[in-house]
Amino acid sequence: MGTAWAELMRPRPAADRMLLTLPPEPDSPALARDLVGDACQTWHLPAVFYPARLVMSELVTNAVEHAGSTITVALTCRTGGLLVAVSDTSRTLPCLRQLERPHRGRCLDERGRGLRTVQATAVRWGALPTAGGKLVWALVRPGP
């Protein structure tokens, strides 16, 4: 985890990083996915377009649902991939949960799949406490 933190904090040219601040609203995941599209186009990373959009969507959705605070998303160009970071003011670090069974009559109301999707899609992911809450990050690179 220390390596990811160092990478996120390392000074970079503005051209290698994209930032966006979002409200805790239902449209925020879509806006964050659009930023991923812009980054992939700008940095010529078409191979990570879909997986990075999926990861960003899950992380921002979690922030909207669980933190309910202003969300900051950052994308950093890494060799052949993207480092996705989402921060919010909640101090509760995310963790993989046991999958919950849907309640009777609510077959589509499954919980606990978001971080499992991130784990299956990203090369690595993690969460770090910050002075103002937490930062959740994921490194997305093209598949084999």
C-alpha atoms as a PDB file:
ATOM      1  CA  MET A   1       0.000   0.000   0.000  1.00  0.00           C
ATOM      2  CA  GLY A   2       2.880   2.364   0.664  1.00  0.00           C
ATOM      3  CA  THR A   3       3.919   2.224  -2.984  1.00  0.00           C
ATOM      4  CA  ALA A   4       0.475   3.298  -4.178  1.00  0.00           C
ATOM      5  CA  TRP A   5       0.416   6.151  -1.687  1.00  0.00           C
ATOM      6  CA  ALA A   6       3.866   7.297  -2.805  1.00  0.00           C
ATOM      7  CA  GLU A   7       2.744   7.150  -6.428  1.00  0.00           C
ATOM      8  CA  LEU A   8      -0.380   9.179  -5.719  1.00  0.00           C
ATOM      9  CA  MET A   9       1.559  11.814  -3.807  1.00  0.00           C
ATOM     10  CA  ARG A  10       4.547  12.028  -6.153  1.00  0.00           C
ATOM     11  CA  PRO A  11       4.674  15.399  -7.921  1.00  0.00           C
ATOM     12  CA  ARG A  12       3.570  14.962 -11.529  1.00  0.00           C
ATOM     13  CA  PRO A  13       3.063  17.283 -14.449  1.00  0.00           C
ATOM     14  CA  ALA A  14      -0.517  18.520 -14.671  1.00  0.00           C
ATOM     15  CA  ALA A  15      -0.764  16.783 -18.054  1.00  0.00           C
ATOM     16  CA  ASP A  16      -0.384  13.372 -16.318  1.00  0.00           C
ATOM     17  CA  ARG A  17      -3.245  13.841 -13.850  1.00  0.00           C
ATOM     18  CA  MET A  18      -6.951  14.634 -14.129  1.00  0.00           C
ATOM     19  CA  LEU A  19      -9.061  15.725 -11.159  1.00  0.00           C
ATOM     20  CA  LEU A  20     -12.783  16.194 -10.677  1.00  0.00           C
ATOM     21  CA  THR A  21     -14.837  17.125  -7.617  1.00  0.00           C
ATOM     22  CA  LEU A  22     -18.326  15.661  -7.491  1.00  0.00           C
ATOM     23  CA  PRO A  23     -21.377  15.964  -5.253  1.00  0.00           C
ATOM     24  CA  PRO A  24     -22.811  12.880  -3.523  1.00  0.00           C
ATOM     25  CA  GLU A  25     -25.552  12.515  -6.131  1.00  0.00           C
ATOM     26  CA  PRO A  26     -26.745   9.660  -8.379  1.00  0.00           C
ATOM     27  CA  ASP A  27     -25.271  11.271 -11.532  1.00  0.00           C
ATOM     28  CA  SER A  28     -21.733  11.401 -10.110  1.00  0.00           C
ATOM     29  CA  PRO A  29     -20.662   7.893 -11.215  1.00  0.00           C
ATOM     30  CA  ALA A  30     -21.574   8.756 -14.819  1.00  0.00           C
ATOM     31  CA  LEU A  31     -19.586  12.004 -14.655  1.00  0.00           C
ATOM     32  CA  ALA A  32     -16.606  10.102 -13.256  1.00  0.00           C
ATOM     33  CA  ARG A  33     -16.873   7.517 -16.055  1.00  0.00           C
ATOM     34  CA  ASP A  34     -16.808  10.376 -18.568  1.00  0.00           C
ATOM     35  CA  LEU A  35     -13.550  11.589 -17.009  1.00  0.00           C
ATOM     36  CA  VAL A  36     -12.079   8.115 -17.547  1.00  0.00           C
ATOM     37  CA  GLY A  37     -13.088   8.338 -21.202  1.00  0.00           C
ATOM     38  CA  ASP A  38     -11.375  11.717 -21.505  1.00  0.00           C
ATOM     39  CA  ALA A  39      -8.237  10.348 -19.853  1.00  0.00           C
ATOM     40  CA  CYS A  40      -8.081   7.250 -22.043  1.00  0.00           C
ATOM     41  CA  GLN A  41      -8.468   9.378 -25.153  1.00  0.00           C
ATOM     42  CA  THR A  42      -5.940  12.009 -24.037  1.00  0.00           C
ATOM     43  CA  TRP A  43      -3.335   9.477 -22.926  1.00  0.00           C
ATOM     44  CA  HIS A  44      -3.972   6.977 -25.756  1.00  0.00           C
ATOM     45  CA  LEU A  45      -5.075   4.143 -23.462  1.00  0.00           C
ATOM     46  CA  PRO A  46      -7.968   2.482 -25.319  1.00  0.00           C
ATOM     47  CA  ALA A  47      -7.202  -0.932 -23.793  1.00  0.00           C
ATOM     48  CA  VAL A  48      -8.124   0.259 -20.272  1.00  0.00           C
ATOM     49  CA  PHE A  49     -11.213   2.262 -21.267  1.00  0.00           C
ATOM     50  CA  TYR A  50     -13.841  -0.308 -20.228  1.00  0.00           C
ATOM     51  CA  PRO A  51     -12.154  -1.782 -17.148  1.00  0.00           C
ATOM     52  CA  ALA A  52     -11.188   1.662 -15.799  1.00  0.00           C
ATOM     53  CA  ARG A  53     -14.742   2.969 -16.313  1.00  0.00           C
ATOM     54  CA  LEU A  54     -16.088  -0.040 -14.413  1.00  0.00           C
ATOM     55  CA  VAL A  55     -13.673   0.455 -11.517  1.00  0.00           C
ATOM     56  CA  MET A  56     -14.316   4.201 -11.341  1.00  0.00           C
ATOM     57  CA  SER A  57     -18.066   3.636 -11.402  1.00  0.00           C
ATOM     58  CA  GLU A  58     -17.940   1.170  -8.508  1.00  0.00           C
ATOM     59  CA  LEU A  59     -15.680   3.364  -6.363  1.00  0.00           C
ATOM     60  CA  VAL A  60     -17.723   6.532  -6.906  1.00  0.00           C
ATOM     61  CA  THR A  61     -20.998   4.672  -6.356  1.00  0.00           C
ATOM     62  CA  ASN A  62     -19.648   3.422  -3.029  1.00  0.00           C
ATOM     63  CA  ALA A  63     -18.634   6.960  -2.051  1.00  0.00           C
ATOM     64  CA  VAL A  64     -22.063   8.336  -2.959  1.00  0.00           C
ATOM     65  CA  GLU A  65     -23.865   5.572  -1.079  1.00  0.00           C
ATOM     66  CA  HIS A  66     -21.696   5.205   2.013  1.00  0.00           C
ATOM     67  CA  ALA A  67     -19.962   8.567   2.545  1.00  0.00           C
ATOM     68  CA  GLY A  68     -22.598  10.999   1.340  1.00  0.00           C
ATOM     69  CA  SER A  69     -19.960  13.731   1.097  1.00  0.00           C
ATOM     70  CA  THR A  70     -18.161  15.637  -1.611  1.00  0.00           C
ATOM     71  CA  ILE A  71     -16.096  13.220  -3.689  1.00  0.00           C
ATOM     72  CA  THR A  72     -12.789  13.916  -5.393  1.00  0.00           C
ATOM     73  CA  VAL A  73     -11.679  11.638  -8.189  1.00  0.00           C
ATOM     74  CA  ALA A  74      -8.187  11.587  -9.649  1.00  0.00           C
ATOM     75  CA  LEU A  75      -6.743   9.753 -12.616  1.00  0.00           C
ATOM     76  CA  THR A  76      -3.010   9.425 -13.066  1.00  0.00           C
ATOM     77  CA  CYS A  77      -1.377   8.086 -16.175  1.00  0.00           C
ATOM     78  CA  ARG A  78       0.860   5.142 -15.330  1.00  0.00           C
ATOM     79  CA  THR A  79       2.938   3.159 -17.799  1.00  0.00           C
ATOM     80  CA  GLY A  80       0.302   1.418 -19.878  1.00  0.00           C
ATOM     81  CA  GLY A  81      -2.524   2.030 -17.425  1.00  0.00           C
ATOM     82  CA  LEU A  82      -4.453   4.271 -15.082  1.00  0.00           C
ATOM     83  CA  LEU A  83      -4.267   4.810 -11.363  1.00  0.00           C
ATOM     84  CA  VAL A  84      -7.821   5.611 -10.237  1.00  0.00           C
ATOM     85  CA  ALA A  85      -8.292   7.338  -6.874  1.00  0.00           C
ATOM     86  CA  VAL A  86     -11.515   8.351  -5.119  1.00  0.00           C
ATOM     87  CA  SER A  87     -11.545  10.289  -1.865  1.00  0.00           C
ATOM     88  CA  ASP A  88     -14.355  11.308   0.455  1.00  0.00           C
ATOM     89  CA  THR A  89     -14.792  12.478   4.049  1.00  0.00           C
ATOM     90  CA  SER A  90     -15.851   9.157   5.554  1.00  0.00           C
ATOM     91  CA  ARG A  91     -13.220   7.597   7.798  1.00  0.00           C
ATOM     92  CA  THR A  92     -14.655   4.092   7.329  1.00  0.00           C
ATOM     93  CA  LEU A  93     -12.310   2.093   5.110  1.00  0.00           C
ATOM     94  CA  PRO A  94     -13.979  -0.245   2.634  1.00  0.00           C
ATOM     95  CA  CYS A  95     -13.580  -3.995   2.934  1.00  0.00           C
ATOM     96  CA  LEU A  96     -14.782  -7.014   1.025  1.00  0.00           C
ATOM     97  CA  ARG A  97     -18.085  -8.123   2.524  1.00  0.00           C
ATOM     98  CA  GLN A  98     -19.822 -11.422   2.612  1.00  0.00           C
ATOM     99  CA  LEU A  99     -22.316 -11.478  -0.209  1.00  0.00           C
ATOM    100  CA  GLU A 100     -25.809 -10.990   1.139  1.00  0.00           C
ATOM    101  CA  ARG A 101     -28.661 -13.032  -0.189  1.00  0.00           C
ATOM    102  CA  PRO A 102     -31.460 -11.017  -1.712  1.00  0.00           C
ATOM    103  CA  HIS A 103     -34.491 -10.590   0.501  1.00  0.00           C
ATOM    104  CA  ARG A 104     -37.598 -12.498  -0.489  1.00  0.00           C
ATOM    105  CA  GLY A 105     -39.377 -10.595  -3.231  1.00  0.00           C
ATOM    106  CA  ARG A 106     -36.316  -8.422  -3.958  1.00  0.00           C
ATOM    107  CA  CYS A 107     -34.230 -10.707  -6.178  1.00  0.00           C
ATOM    108  CA  LEU A 108     -32.270  -7.857  -7.775  1.00  0.00           C
ATOM    109  CA  ASP A 109     -31.277  -6.236  -4.472  1.00  0.00           C
ATOM    110  CA  GLU A 110     -27.858  -7.858  -4.044  1.00  0.00           C
ATOM    111  CA  ARG A 111     -25.214  -6.197  -1.922  1.00  0.00           C
ATOM    112  CA  GLY A 112     -21.465  -6.537  -1.616  1.00  0.00           C
ATOM    113  CA  ARG A 113     -20.414  -6.980  -5.237  1.00  0.00           C
ATOM    114  CA  GLY A 114     -18.800  -3.574  -5.909  1.00  0.00           C
ATOM    115  CA  LEU A 115     -15.401  -4.145  -4.323  1.00  0.00           C
ATOM    116  CA  ARG A 116     -15.352  -7.708  -5.617  1.00  0.00           C
ATOM    117  CA  THR A 117     -15.747  -6.250  -9.103  1.00  0.00           C
ATOM    118  CA  VAL A 118     -12.906  -3.807  -8.436  1.00  0.00           C
ATOM    119  CA  GLN A 119     -10.694  -6.620  -7.127  1.00  0.00           C
ATOM    120  CA  ALA A 120     -11.417  -8.778 -10.181  1.00  0.00           C
ATOM    121  CA  THR A 121     -10.806  -5.932 -12.640  1.00  0.00           C
ATOM    122  CA  ALA A 122      -7.851  -3.996 -11.201  1.00  0.00           C
ATOM    123  CA  VAL A 123      -4.251  -5.175 -10.940  1.00  0.00           C
ATOM    124  CA  ARG A 124      -4.219  -3.915  -7.332  1.00  0.00           C
ATOM    125  CA  TRP A 125      -6.495  -1.834  -5.140  1.00  0.00           C
ATOM    126  CA  GLY A 126      -6.513  -0.518  -1.601  1.00  0.00           C
ATOM    127  CA  ALA A 127      -7.736   2.141   0.794  1.00  0.00           C
ATOM    128  CA  LEU A 128      -5.842   4.622   2.929  1.00  0.00           C
ATOM    129  CA  PRO A 129      -6.946   6.901   5.732  1.00  0.00           C
ATOM    130  CA  THR A 130      -6.370  10.604   5.087  1.00  0.00           C
ATOM    131  CA  ALA A 131      -6.546  13.664   7.304  1.00  0.00           C
ATOM    132  CA  GLY A 132     -10.025  14.408   5.958  1.00  0.00           C
ATOM    133  CA  GLY A 133     -11.429  10.904   5.454  1.00  0.00           C
ATOM    134  CA  LYS A 134     -10.148   8.196   3.124  1.00  0.00           C
ATOM    135  CA  LEU A 135      -8.758   7.530  -0.319  1.00  0.00           C
ATOM    136  CA  VAL A 136      -9.608   4.370  -2.266  1.00  0.00           C
ATOM    137  CA  TRP A 137      -7.344   3.580  -5.227  1.00  0.00           C
ATOM    138  CA  ALA A 138      -7.064   0.996  -7.962  1.00  0.00           C
ATOM    139  CA  LEU A 139      -4.457   0.364 -10.641  1.00  0.00           C
ATOM    140  CA  VAL A 140      -6.005  -0.675 -13.954  1.00  0.00           C
ATOM    141  CA  ARG A 141      -3.886  -2.062 -16.763  1.00  0.00           C
ATOM    142  CA  PRO A 142      -4.798  -3.879 -19.955  1.00  0.00           C
ATOM    143  CA  GLY A 143      -5.398  -7.602 -19.664  1.00  0.00           C
ATOM    144  CA  PRO A 144      -3.041 -10.206 -21.086  1.00  0.00           C
END
